[in-house]
Amino acid sequence: MHALLRGLFELLLPAICAACAQAVEPGRSLCATCNRAFPRFSGEAPPLLPASIGCATATSYEGAASDWMRRFKYPRRGFAGLDPAAHSVLRAWILEAAECAAGERPELVIPVALHARRLRARGFNPAALLAGALSRDMGLRHDPTALIRIRDTPSQTGLDRRARRRNVAGAFRTRGELEGITRVWLVDDVVTTGSTTAAAAQALRQRGVRSVTVVCAARTPLQAL
């Protein structure tokens, strides 16, 4: 329901910058000034993501960027939680990240899955919202159910790198039709060490997907890990 109402807001509201409310070109979520103000990520690849898996991102998960991310991921309940501005900012970021992704366009866009219990508790999957917006904006094929999370793993917060890798090992599997799919964009909101996306990518590769690129809105700075 929230996704539907956000879509209606986007149709009805004038084209203004989500951050400063100045007029922008139709189809744009941020004005050039506000877009430049967000910290860009220029560090190394996620330490637990294999080198064979690319990772494209728009912004560094710090300062104002982390505030916008929290607004997007943790809305208040009911109508008070409808936040089209935060949704527009994250939509702009995920599109920017995709435009920076190396290689050919994917045959399929897939979000990193939440476990069913966490999905019921939260009410939505942030990665799925971003994957849906990205596929619509770029005209790409999208399958929000191709990847499922079969283990409700504990939070990664506070775990060291080795424990993070063990925590999510075997947590994902695929379902549905992936026959003939060789190139996938795996969409997530925030990537930290890359352990979760690496486990998700492994499940896709076991089904024959040869090229997986992680496309995420934000990355945690390495000095914060």
Protein backbone atom coordinates (compact mmCIF):
# COMPACT_ATOMS: atom_id res chain seq x y z
CA MET A 1 0.00 0.00 0.00
CA HIS A 2 2.81 2.42 0.86
CA ALA A 3 4.46 1.80 -2.53
CA LEU A 4 1.17 2.55 -4.32
CA LEU A 5 0.62 5.80 -2.40
CA ARG A 6 4.21 6.89 -3.03
CA GLY A 7 3.63 6.33 -6.73
CA LEU A 8 0.52 8.50 -6.64
CA PHE A 9 2.45 11.26 -4.88
CA GLU A 10 5.08 11.18 -7.62
CA LEU A 11 2.39 11.62 -10.26
CA LEU A 12 0.54 14.42 -8.49
CA LEU A 13 3.33 16.48 -6.95
CA PRO A 14 5.22 19.08 -9.03
CA ALA A 15 8.78 18.39 -10.14
CA ILE A 16 10.77 19.76 -7.20
CA CYS A 17 14.03 18.76 -5.55
CA ALA A 18 13.36 16.29 -2.74
CA ALA A 19 16.05 17.89 -0.58
CA CYS A 20 15.55 21.66 -1.05
CA ALA A 21 12.15 21.96 -2.84
CA GLN A 22 13.58 23.97 -5.73
CA ALA A 23 12.23 23.24 -9.22
CA VAL A 24 13.97 20.47 -11.14
CA GLU A 25 13.62 18.96 -14.58
CA PRO A 26 10.81 16.43 -14.96
CA GLY A 27 12.03 12.96 -14.05
CA ARG A 28 14.72 14.32 -11.71
CA SER A 29 14.56 13.85 -7.92
CA LEU A 30 17.41 16.16 -6.90
CA CYS A 31 18.70 19.47 -8.17
CA ALA A 32 22.33 19.57 -9.26
CA THR A 33 23.44 21.47 -6.14
CA CYS A 34 21.89 19.01 -3.67
CA ASN A 35 23.08 16.03 -5.67
CA ARG A 36 26.68 17.27 -5.54
CA ALA A 37 26.43 17.84 -1.78
CA PHE A 38 26.16 14.14 -0.93
CA PRO A 39 29.49 12.40 -0.22
CA ARG A 40 30.54 10.11 -3.07
CA PHE A 41 32.14 6.77 -2.27
CA SER A 42 35.63 6.47 -3.72
CA GLY A 43 37.11 3.74 -1.53
CA GLU A 44 38.06 0.16 -2.17
CA ALA A 45 35.74 -2.72 -2.96
CA PRO A 46 33.83 -4.27 -0.04
CA PRO A 47 36.35 -6.49 1.78
CA LEU A 48 34.16 -9.64 1.81
CA LEU A 49 32.85 -9.32 -1.74
CA PRO A 50 34.81 -11.47 -4.23
CA ALA A 51 36.78 -9.51 -6.80
CA SER A 52 34.79 -11.19 -9.58
CA ILE A 53 31.63 -9.39 -8.42
CA GLY A 54 31.41 -5.72 -9.32
CA CYS A 55 29.93 -3.15 -6.96
CA ALA A 56 28.51 0.19 -8.11
CA THR A 57 27.29 2.79 -5.63
CA ALA A 58 26.24 6.41 -5.55
CA THR A 59 27.04 7.77 -2.12
CA SER A 60 28.95 7.15 1.08
CA TYR A 61 26.83 6.09 4.05
CA GLU A 62 27.68 8.97 6.37
CA GLY A 63 26.43 12.42 7.36
CA ALA A 64 23.34 13.64 5.54
CA ALA A 65 23.31 10.53 3.36
CA SER A 66 22.81 8.26 6.39
CA ASP A 67 19.97 10.53 7.58
CA TRP A 68 18.15 10.14 4.26
CA MET A 69 18.75 6.39 4.30
CA ARG A 70 17.22 6.06 7.77
CA ARG A 71 14.18 8.04 6.65
CA PHE A 72 13.75 5.66 3.73
CA LYS A 73 14.35 2.41 5.64
CA TYR A 74 12.61 3.18 8.92
CA PRO A 75 9.46 5.22 8.22
CA ARG A 76 6.92 5.91 10.92
CA ARG A 77 3.77 3.82 10.92
CA GLY A 78 0.63 4.79 9.04
CA PHE A 79 0.25 7.85 6.84
CA ALA A 80 2.86 9.67 8.94
CA GLY A 81 5.42 7.31 7.48
CA LEU A 82 4.74 8.27 3.87
CA ASP A 83 7.90 10.10 2.87
CA PRO A 84 8.02 10.73 -0.88
CA ALA A 85 11.08 12.95 -0.47
CA ALA A 86 13.20 10.13 1.01
CA HIS A 87 11.92 7.71 -1.61
CA SER A 88 12.86 10.18 -4.37
CA VAL A 89 16.37 10.70 -2.99
CA LEU A 90 17.06 6.97 -2.80
CA ARG A 91 15.58 6.49 -6.26
CA ALA A 92 18.02 9.08 -7.62
CA TRP A 93 20.93 7.36 -5.89
CA ILE A 94 20.15 3.87 -7.15
CA LEU A 95 19.78 5.18 -10.70
CA GLU A 96 23.10 7.01 -10.44
CA ALA A 97 24.77 3.84 -9.13
CA ALA A 98 23.35 1.81 -12.02
CA GLU A 99 24.63 4.33 -14.54
CA CYS A 100 28.12 3.83 -13.08
CA ALA A 101 27.97 0.02 -13.24
CA ALA A 102 30.60 -1.50 -15.51
CA GLY A 103 29.85 -3.95 -18.28
CA GLU A 104 26.74 -4.72 -20.28
CA ARG A 105 23.23 -4.01 -19.09
CA PRO A 106 21.76 -6.92 -17.12
CA GLU A 107 19.19 -9.41 -18.31
CA LEU A 108 17.51 -9.29 -14.90
CA VAL A 109 17.36 -7.02 -11.83
CA ILE A 110 16.96 -8.82 -8.50
CA PRO A 111 16.77 -7.33 -4.98
CA VAL A 112 18.58 -8.81 -1.98
CA ALA A 113 15.79 -10.65 -0.16
CA LEU A 114 14.56 -10.25 3.42
CA HIS A 115 13.52 -13.27 5.43
CA ALA A 116 9.73 -13.67 5.50
CA ARG A 117 9.54 -12.95 9.23
CA ARG A 118 11.48 -9.71 8.93
CA LEU A 119 9.45 -8.73 5.88
CA ARG A 120 6.22 -9.15 7.84
CA ALA A 121 7.61 -7.12 10.74
CA ARG A 122 8.91 -4.28 8.55
CA GLY A 123 6.12 -4.31 6.00
CA PHE A 124 8.36 -3.78 2.98
CA ASN A 125 11.80 -4.65 1.61
CA PRO A 126 13.87 -1.48 0.97
CA ALA A 127 16.02 -3.29 -1.60
CA ALA A 128 12.93 -4.46 -3.47
CA LEU A 129 11.56 -0.92 -3.67
CA LEU A 130 14.85 0.29 -5.14
CA ALA A 131 15.08 -2.62 -7.59
CA GLY A 132 11.54 -1.93 -8.79
CA ALA A 133 12.21 1.78 -9.26
CA LEU A 134 15.48 1.08 -11.07
CA SER A 135 13.93 -1.44 -13.45
CA ARG A 136 11.12 0.97 -14.34
CA ASP A 137 13.45 3.93 -14.87
CA MET A 138 15.85 1.95 -17.08
CA GLY A 139 13.35 -0.36 -18.78
CA LEU A 140 14.93 -3.52 -17.39
CA ARG A 141 13.39 -6.88 -16.59
CA HIS A 142 12.78 -7.28 -12.86
CA ASP A 143 12.01 -10.31 -10.70
CA PRO A 144 11.47 -9.45 -6.99
CA THR A 145 10.99 -13.11 -6.02
CA ALA A 146 13.89 -14.79 -7.83
CA LEU A 147 15.97 -14.76 -4.64
CA ILE A 148 14.65 -15.76 -1.22
CA ARG A 149 16.22 -15.75 2.23
CA ILE A 150 15.78 -19.14 3.86
CA ARG A 151 17.48 -18.37 7.18
CA ASP A 152 16.56 -15.49 9.48
CA THR A 153 20.13 -14.67 10.41
CA PRO A 154 21.04 -12.52 13.42
CA SER A 155 22.01 -8.90 12.81
CA GLN A 156 25.47 -8.36 11.36
CA THR A 157 26.02 -5.33 13.62
CA GLY A 158 28.99 -5.83 15.91
CA LEU A 159 30.28 -8.95 14.14
CA ASP A 160 33.82 -9.11 12.81
CA ARG A 161 34.45 -9.98 9.16
CA ARG A 162 34.85 -13.73 9.69
CA ALA A 163 31.68 -13.91 11.80
CA ARG A 164 29.75 -11.90 9.20
CA ARG A 165 30.70 -14.37 6.49
CA ARG A 166 29.69 -17.37 8.60
CA ASN A 167 26.44 -15.68 9.67
CA VAL A 168 25.04 -15.43 6.13
CA ALA A 169 26.59 -18.53 4.57
CA GLY A 170 23.84 -20.50 2.82
CA ALA A 171 21.19 -17.96 3.80
CA PHE A 172 19.83 -17.53 0.25
CA ARG A 173 18.45 -19.70 -2.50
CA THR A 174 16.82 -19.01 -5.83
CA ARG A 175 13.39 -19.89 -7.12
CA GLY A 176 11.49 -19.33 -10.32
CA GLU A 177 12.82 -19.27 -13.86
CA LEU A 178 16.48 -18.31 -14.28
CA GLU A 179 17.12 -20.51 -17.30
CA GLY A 180 19.39 -18.69 -19.75
CA ILE A 181 20.00 -15.70 -17.44
CA THR A 182 23.73 -14.92 -17.37
CA ARG A 183 23.93 -11.24 -16.27
CA VAL A 184 22.20 -9.95 -13.14
CA TRP A 185 22.20 -6.71 -11.18
CA LEU A 186 21.77 -7.51 -7.48
CA VAL A 187 20.22 -4.45 -5.80
CA ASP A 188 20.65 -3.46 -2.14
CA ASP A 189 20.19 -0.28 -0.16
CA VAL A 190 23.45 -0.25 1.86
CA VAL A 191 26.52 -2.47 1.50
CA THR A 192 28.93 -2.72 4.43
CA THR A 193 31.50 -5.52 4.19
CA GLY A 194 29.76 -7.25 1.28
CA SER A 195 29.17 -10.51 3.16
CA THR A 196 25.39 -10.53 2.60
CA THR A 197 25.58 -9.64 -1.08
CA ALA A 198 28.36 -12.21 -1.56
CA ALA A 199 26.10 -14.94 -0.12
CA ALA A 200 23.22 -13.81 -2.34
CA ALA A 201 25.47 -13.72 -5.41
CA GLN A 202 26.70 -17.24 -4.63
CA ALA A 203 23.13 -18.54 -4.74
CA LEU A 204 22.66 -16.93 -8.16
CA ARG A 205 25.91 -18.34 -9.50
CA GLN A 206 24.89 -21.82 -8.43
CA ARG A 207 21.96 -21.43 -10.83
CA GLY A 208 24.24 -20.57 -13.74
CA VAL A 209 24.36 -16.75 -13.54
CA ARG A 210 27.89 -15.92 -14.69
CA SER A 211 27.98 -12.16 -14.11
CA VAL A 212 26.65 -10.54 -10.93
CA THR A 213 27.05 -6.83 -10.24
CA VAL A 214 25.93 -5.35 -6.94
CA VAL A 215 24.14 -2.02 -7.41
CA CYS A 216 23.58 -0.21 -4.11
CA ALA A 217 22.49 3.26 -3.08
CA ALA A 218 25.19 3.68 -0.43
CA ARG A 219 28.38 2.10 0.90
CA THR A 220 29.72 2.19 4.44
CA PRO A 221 33.16 3.89 4.51
CA LEU A 222 35.94 1.37 5.12
CA GLN A 223 37.24 3.33 8.11
CA ALA A 224 33.85 2.82 9.76
CA LEU A 225 33.99 -1.00 9.49
